Amino acid sequence: MGKLRIETSKLIPGIPDAIARARRKDTPSCTDWPRIIGSTVYRLVEKLQES
């Protein structure tokens, strides 16, 4: 079985749009746990971008 190689550099330009879409879906913004199916991982990505 071969290793899957993902070119992450191709994904970086799409991060701002992905964050914006996730933020729109996180309504009302949850403080502890998503109330609907989804994820709040966009918050982690934003924090990582700040540092």
PDB file of N, CA and C in Angstrom:
ATOM      1  N   MET A   1       0.837  -1.183   0.000  1.00  0.00           N
ATOM      2  CA  MET A   1       0.000   0.000   0.000  1.00  0.00           C
ATOM      3  C   MET A   1       0.882   1.246   0.000  1.00  0.00           C
ATOM      4  N   GLY A   2       0.614   2.182  -0.898  1.00  0.00           N
ATOM      5  CA  GLY A   2       1.400   3.399  -0.971  1.00  0.00           C
ATOM      6  C   GLY A   2       0.896   4.456  -0.006  1.00  0.00           C
ATOM      7  N   LYS A   3       1.779   5.398   0.275  1.00  0.00           N
ATOM      8  CA  LYS A   3       1.412   6.496   1.171  1.00  0.00           C
ATOM      9  C   LYS A   3       0.687   7.576   0.384  1.00  0.00           C
ATOM     10  N   LEU A   4      -0.329   8.125   0.998  1.00  0.00           N
ATOM     11  CA  LEU A   4      -1.073   9.215   0.388  1.00  0.00           C
ATOM     12  C   LEU A   4      -0.338  10.509   0.688  1.00  0.00           C
ATOM     13  N   ARG A   5      -0.041  11.281  -0.327  1.00  0.00           N
ATOM     14  CA  ARG A   5       0.675  12.536  -0.129  1.00  0.00           C
ATOM     15  C   ARG A   5      -0.271  13.683  -0.462  1.00  0.00           C
ATOM     16  N   ILE A   6      -0.615  14.459   0.551  1.00  0.00           N
ATOM     17  CA  ILE A   6      -1.493  15.600   0.362  1.00  0.00           C
ATOM     18  C   ILE A   6      -0.638  16.861   0.310  1.00  0.00           C
ATOM     19  N   GLU A   7      -0.815  17.612  -0.746  1.00  0.00           N
ATOM     20  CA  GLU A   7      -0.073  18.860  -0.883  1.00  0.00           C
ATOM     21  C   GLU A   7      -0.815  19.951  -0.119  1.00  0.00           C
ATOM     22  N   THR A   8      -0.463  20.098   1.158  1.00  0.00           N
ATOM     23  CA  THR A   8      -1.169  21.042   2.025  1.00  0.00           C
ATOM     24  C   THR A   8      -1.017  22.484   1.564  1.00  0.00           C
ATOM     25  N   SER A   9       0.031  22.784   0.859  1.00  0.00           N
ATOM     26  CA  SER A   9       0.226  24.160   0.387  1.00  0.00           C
ATOM     27  C   SER A   9      -0.894  24.594  -0.557  1.00  0.00           C
ATOM     28  N   LYS A  10      -1.526  23.628  -1.214  1.00  0.00           N
ATOM     29  CA  LYS A  10      -2.643  23.952  -2.109  1.00  0.00           C
ATOM     30  C   LYS A  10      -3.915  24.270  -1.332  1.00  0.00           C
ATOM     31  N   LEU A  11      -3.988  23.851  -0.073  1.00  0.00           N
ATOM     32  CA  LEU A  11      -5.172  24.083   0.747  1.00  0.00           C
ATOM     33  C   LEU A  11      -5.153  25.455   1.432  1.00  0.00           C
ATOM     34  N   ILE A  12      -3.978  25.992   1.676  1.00  0.00           N
ATOM     35  CA  ILE A  12      -3.825  27.229   2.449  1.00  0.00           C
ATOM     36  C   ILE A  12      -4.626  28.399   1.887  1.00  0.00           C
ATOM     37  N   PRO A  13      -4.653  28.643   0.574  1.00  0.00           N
ATOM     38  CA  PRO A  13      -5.429  29.779   0.067  1.00  0.00           C
ATOM     39  C   PRO A  13      -6.925  29.704   0.381  1.00  0.00           C
ATOM     40  N   GLY A  14      -7.458  28.513   0.587  1.00  0.00           N
ATOM     41  CA  GLY A  14      -8.884  28.355   0.844  1.00  0.00           C
ATOM     42  C   GLY A  14      -9.276  28.472   2.310  1.00  0.00           C
ATOM     43  N   ILE A  15      -8.304  28.609   3.196  1.00  0.00           N
ATOM     44  CA  ILE A  15      -8.598  28.648   4.632  1.00  0.00           C
ATOM     45  C   ILE A  15      -9.504  29.810   5.018  1.00  0.00           C
ATOM     46  N   PRO A  16      -9.262  31.041   4.568  1.00  0.00           N
ATOM     47  CA  PRO A  16     -10.162  32.136   4.963  1.00  0.00           C
ATOM     48  C   PRO A  16     -11.621  31.886   4.567  1.00  0.00           C
ATOM     49  N   ASP A  17     -11.862  31.360   3.385  1.00  0.00           N
ATOM     50  CA  ASP A  17     -13.230  31.059   2.960  1.00  0.00           C
ATOM     51  C   ASP A  17     -13.844  29.948   3.805  1.00  0.00           C
ATOM     52  N   ALA A  18     -13.046  28.934   4.126  1.00  0.00           N
ATOM     53  CA  ALA A  18     -13.543  27.833   4.951  1.00  0.00           C
ATOM     54  C   ALA A  18     -13.929  28.332   6.339  1.00  0.00           C
ATOM     55  N   ILE A  19     -13.118  29.212   6.901  1.00  0.00           N
ATOM     56  CA  ILE A  19     -13.423  29.786   8.211  1.00  0.00           C
ATOM     57  C   ILE A  19     -14.706  30.593   8.140  1.00  0.00           C
ATOM     58  N   ALA A  20     -14.862  31.392   7.105  1.00  0.00           N
ATOM     59  CA  ALA A  20     -16.070  32.219   6.962  1.00  0.00           C
ATOM     60  C   ALA A  20     -17.323  31.345   6.852  1.00  0.00           C
ATOM     61  N   ARG A  21     -17.254  30.261   6.079  1.00  0.00           N
ATOM     62  CA  ARG A  21     -18.405  29.356   5.957  1.00  0.00           C
ATOM     63  C   ARG A  21     -18.727  28.698   7.294  1.00  0.00           C
ATOM     64  N   ALA A  22     -17.697  28.267   8.007  1.00  0.00           N
ATOM     65  CA  ALA A  22     -17.912  27.616   9.302  1.00  0.00           C
ATOM     66  C   ALA A  22     -18.500  28.598  10.307  1.00  0.00           C
ATOM     67  N   ARG A  23     -18.034  29.840  10.289  1.00  0.00           N
ATOM     68  CA  ARG A  23     -18.549  30.862  11.206  1.00  0.00           C
ATOM     69  C   ARG A  23     -20.034  31.116  10.939  1.00  0.00           C
ATOM     70  N   ARG A  24     -20.420  31.164   9.669  1.00  0.00           N
ATOM     71  CA  ARG A  24     -21.836  31.375   9.327  1.00  0.00           C
ATOM     72  C   ARG A  24     -22.710  30.227   9.813  1.00  0.00           C
ATOM     73  N   LYS A  25     -22.180  29.001   9.775  1.00  0.00           N
ATOM     74  CA  LYS A  25     -22.952  27.842  10.223  1.00  0.00           C
ATOM     75  C   LYS A  25     -23.036  27.756  11.740  1.00  0.00           C
ATOM     76  N   ASP A  26     -22.130  28.400  12.437  1.00  0.00           N
ATOM     77  CA  ASP A  26     -22.079  28.353  13.897  1.00  0.00           C
ATOM     78  C   ASP A  26     -22.955  29.465  14.470  1.00  0.00           C
ATOM     79  N   THR A  27     -24.275  29.376  14.160  1.00  0.00           N
ATOM     80  CA  THR A  27     -25.213  30.407  14.585  1.00  0.00           C
ATOM     81  C   THR A  27     -26.357  29.756  15.344  1.00  0.00           C
ATOM     82  N   PRO A  28     -26.664  30.153  16.550  1.00  0.00           N
ATOM     83  CA  PRO A  28     -25.889  31.111  17.345  1.00  0.00           C
ATOM     84  C   PRO A  28     -24.566  30.488  17.764  1.00  0.00           C
ATOM     85  N   SER A  29     -23.589  31.334  17.911  1.00  0.00           N
ATOM     86  CA  SER A  29     -22.253  30.870  18.263  1.00  0.00           C
ATOM     87  C   SER A  29     -22.302  30.087  19.571  1.00  0.00           C
ATOM     88  N   CYS A  30     -21.827  28.863  19.529  1.00  0.00           N
ATOM     89  CA  CYS A  30     -21.873  28.053  20.746  1.00  0.00           C
ATOM     90  C   CYS A  30     -20.636  28.337  21.590  1.00  0.00           C
ATOM     91  N   THR A  31     -20.800  28.246  22.881  1.00  0.00           N
ATOM     92  CA  THR A  31     -19.694  28.544  23.777  1.00  0.00           C
ATOM     93  C   THR A  31     -19.005  27.298  24.293  1.00  0.00           C
ATOM     94  N   ASP A  32     -19.717  26.174  24.316  1.00  0.00           N
ATOM     95  CA  ASP A  32     -19.100  24.986  24.874  1.00  0.00           C
ATOM     96  C   ASP A  32     -19.137  23.774  23.940  1.00  0.00           C
ATOM     97  N   TRP A  33     -20.249  23.572  23.248  1.00  0.00           N
ATOM     98  CA  TRP A  33     -20.402  22.378  22.429  1.00  0.00           C
ATOM     99  C   TRP A  33     -21.349  22.707  21.276  1.00  0.00           C
ATOM    100  N   PRO A  34     -21.036  22.278  20.061  1.00  0.00           N
ATOM    101  CA  PRO A  34     -21.943  22.552  18.941  1.00  0.00           C
ATOM    102  C   PRO A  34     -23.339  22.001  19.206  1.00  0.00           C
ATOM    103  N   ARG A  35     -24.348  22.802  18.933  1.00  0.00           N
ATOM    104  CA  ARG A  35     -25.722  22.389  19.161  1.00  0.00           C
ATOM    105  C   ARG A  35     -26.311  21.646  17.964  1.00  0.00           C
ATOM    106  N   ILE A  36     -25.691  21.820  16.823  1.00  0.00           N
ATOM    107  CA  ILE A  36     -26.112  21.107  15.629  1.00  0.00           C
ATOM    108  C   ILE A  36     -24.912  20.334  15.091  1.00  0.00           C
ATOM    109  N   ILE A  37     -25.149  19.496  14.122  1.00  0.00           N
ATOM    110  CA  ILE A  37     -24.048  18.740  13.526  1.00  0.00           C
ATOM    111  C   ILE A  37     -23.075  19.724  12.903  1.00  0.00           C
ATOM    112  N   GLY A  38     -21.829  19.591  13.257  1.00  0.00           N
ATOM    113  CA  GLY A  38     -20.817  20.472  12.717  1.00  0.00           C
ATOM    114  C   GLY A  38     -19.610  20.506  13.636  1.00  0.00           C
ATOM    115  N   SER A  39     -18.799  21.492  13.440  1.00  0.00           N
ATOM    116  CA  SER A  39     -17.556  21.585  14.183  1.00  0.00           C
ATOM    117  C   SER A  39     -17.213  23.044  14.446  1.00  0.00           C
ATOM    118  N   THR A  40     -16.483  23.266  15.491  1.00  0.00           N
ATOM    119  CA  THR A  40     -15.981  24.611  15.758  1.00  0.00           C
ATOM    120  C   THR A  40     -14.461  24.630  15.622  1.00  0.00           C
ATOM    121  N   VAL A  41     -13.936  23.710  14.829  1.00  0.00           N
ATOM    122  CA  VAL A  41     -12.484  23.646  14.641  1.00  0.00           C
ATOM    123  C   VAL A  41     -11.964  24.925  13.978  1.00  0.00           C
ATOM    124  N   TYR A  42     -12.850  25.667  13.305  1.00  0.00           N
ATOM    125  CA  TYR A  42     -12.420  26.924  12.691  1.00  0.00           C
ATOM    126  C   TYR A  42     -11.843  27.863  13.738  1.00  0.00           C
ATOM    127  N   ARG A  43     -12.321  27.784  14.974  1.00  0.00           N
ATOM    128  CA  ARG A  43     -11.788  28.629  16.053  1.00  0.00           C
ATOM    129  C   ARG A  43     -10.328  28.300  16.328  1.00  0.00           C
ATOM    130  N   LEU A  44     -10.013  27.016  16.312  1.00  0.00           N
ATOM    131  CA  LEU A  44      -8.625  26.591  16.499  1.00  0.00           C
ATOM    132  C   LEU A  44      -7.754  27.113  15.366  1.00  0.00           C
ATOM    133  N   VAL A  45      -8.241  27.000  14.147  1.00  0.00           N
ATOM    134  CA  VAL A  45      -7.471  27.460  12.989  1.00  0.00           C
ATOM    135  C   VAL A  45      -7.222  28.961  13.086  1.00  0.00           C
ATOM    136  N   GLU A  46      -8.236  29.719  13.510  1.00  0.00           N
ATOM    137  CA  GLU A  46      -8.058  31.170  13.684  1.00  0.00           C
ATOM    138  C   GLU A  46      -6.977  31.459  14.720  1.00  0.00           C
ATOM    139  N   LYS A  47      -7.011  30.750  15.835  1.00  0.00           N
ATOM    140  CA  LYS A  47      -5.996  30.957  16.898  1.00  0.00           C
ATOM    141  C   LYS A  47      -4.600  30.621  16.382  1.00  0.00           C
ATOM    142  N   LEU A  48      -4.500  29.554  15.605  1.00  0.00           N
ATOM    143  CA  LEU A  48      -3.198  29.178  15.057  1.00  0.00           C
ATOM    144  C   LEU A  48      -2.687  30.232  14.076  1.00  0.00           C
ATOM    145  N   GLN A  49      -3.593  30.844  13.339  1.00  0.00           N
ATOM    146  CA  GLN A  49      -3.186  31.880  12.388  1.00  0.00           C
ATOM    147  C   GLN A  49      -2.718  33.146  13.110  1.00  0.00           C
ATOM    148  N   GLU A  50      -3.269  33.407  14.300  1.00  0.00           N
ATOM    149  CA  GLU A  50      -2.892  34.589  15.068  1.00  0.00           C
ATOM    150  C   GLU A  50      -1.457  34.504  15.582  1.00  0.00           C
ATOM    151  N   SER A  51      -0.986  33.292  15.841  1.00  0.00           N
ATOM    152  CA  SER A  51       0.351  33.157  16.436  1.00  0.00           C
ATOM    153  C   SER A  51       1.446  33.128  15.403  1.00  0.00           C
TER     154      SER A  51
END
